[in-house]
Protein backbone atom coordinates (compact mmCIF):
# COMPACT_ATOMS: atom_id res chain seq x y z
CA MET A 1 18.68 7.63 -0.89
CA ASN A 2 18.41 4.14 0.60
CA ASP A 3 16.07 5.45 3.30
CA VAL A 4 13.64 6.69 0.67
CA ILE A 5 13.74 3.36 -1.15
CA LYS A 6 13.28 1.43 2.12
CA ASN A 7 10.12 3.38 2.92
CA PHE A 8 8.51 2.93 -0.51
CA GLY A 9 6.56 -0.12 0.70
CA ILE A 10 5.15 1.86 3.62
CA THR A 11 4.05 4.56 1.17
CA LEU A 12 2.12 1.99 -0.86
CA ILE A 13 0.41 0.73 2.31
CA ILE A 14 -0.63 4.26 3.25
CA ILE A 15 -2.06 4.87 -0.23
CA GLY A 16 -4.05 1.63 0.12
CA VAL A 17 -5.44 2.77 3.47
CA ILE A 18 -6.44 6.13 1.98
CA ILE A 19 -8.32 4.33 -0.80
CA LEU A 20 -10.11 2.18 1.80
CA GLY A 21 -11.09 5.30 3.74
CA TYR A 22 -12.45 6.90 0.58
CA TYR A 23 -14.40 3.71 -0.16
CA ALA A 24 -15.91 3.61 3.33
CA ALA A 25 -16.80 7.30 3.43
CA ASN A 26 -18.53 7.47 0.04
CA HIS A 27 -20.46 4.16 0.05
CA ILE A 28 -19.21 3.08 -3.37
CA THR A 29 -20.97 -0.01 -4.73
CA SER A 30 -18.08 -1.20 -6.91
CA ASN A 31 -15.45 -3.60 -5.60
CA THR A 32 -12.67 -2.06 -7.67
CA PRO A 33 -11.33 0.20 -4.87
CA LEU A 34 -11.23 -2.81 -2.54
CA VAL A 35 -9.18 -4.83 -5.02
CA VAL A 36 -6.81 -1.93 -5.71
CA SER A 37 -6.27 -1.24 -2.01
CA PHE A 38 -5.69 -4.94 -1.33
CA ILE A 39 -3.07 -5.13 -4.06
CA LEU A 40 -1.37 -1.96 -2.80
CA MET A 41 -1.34 -3.09 0.82
CA VAL A 42 -0.12 -6.64 0.20
CA GLY A 43 2.37 -5.47 -2.41
CA GLY A 44 3.59 -2.76 -0.05
CA MET A 45 4.15 -5.26 2.76
CA VAL A 46 6.04 -7.66 0.50
CA LEU A 47 8.08 -4.85 -1.05
CA HIS A 48 8.92 -3.45 2.39
CA ILE A 49 10.17 -6.82 3.60
CA ILE A 50 12.20 -7.52 0.46
CA LEU A 51 13.77 -4.06 0.26
CA ASN A 52 14.75 -4.05 3.93
CA ARG A 53 16.45 -7.44 3.57
CA ILE A 54 18.31 -6.39 0.43
CA LEU A 55 19.40 -2.92 1.53
CA ASP A 56 20.52 -3.83 5.07
């Protein structure tokens, strides 16, 4: 179970990258997907670092 929790931050980063790919492929004029992907990627990195320090 700890392995799944440790990789939750990586999952958030991957979701952020998918949103960026969707944004780039469809030429969306709104900045909302950029903000959401930024929050997911930065939050995923921070969460990954914190969870790996706590659970190790």
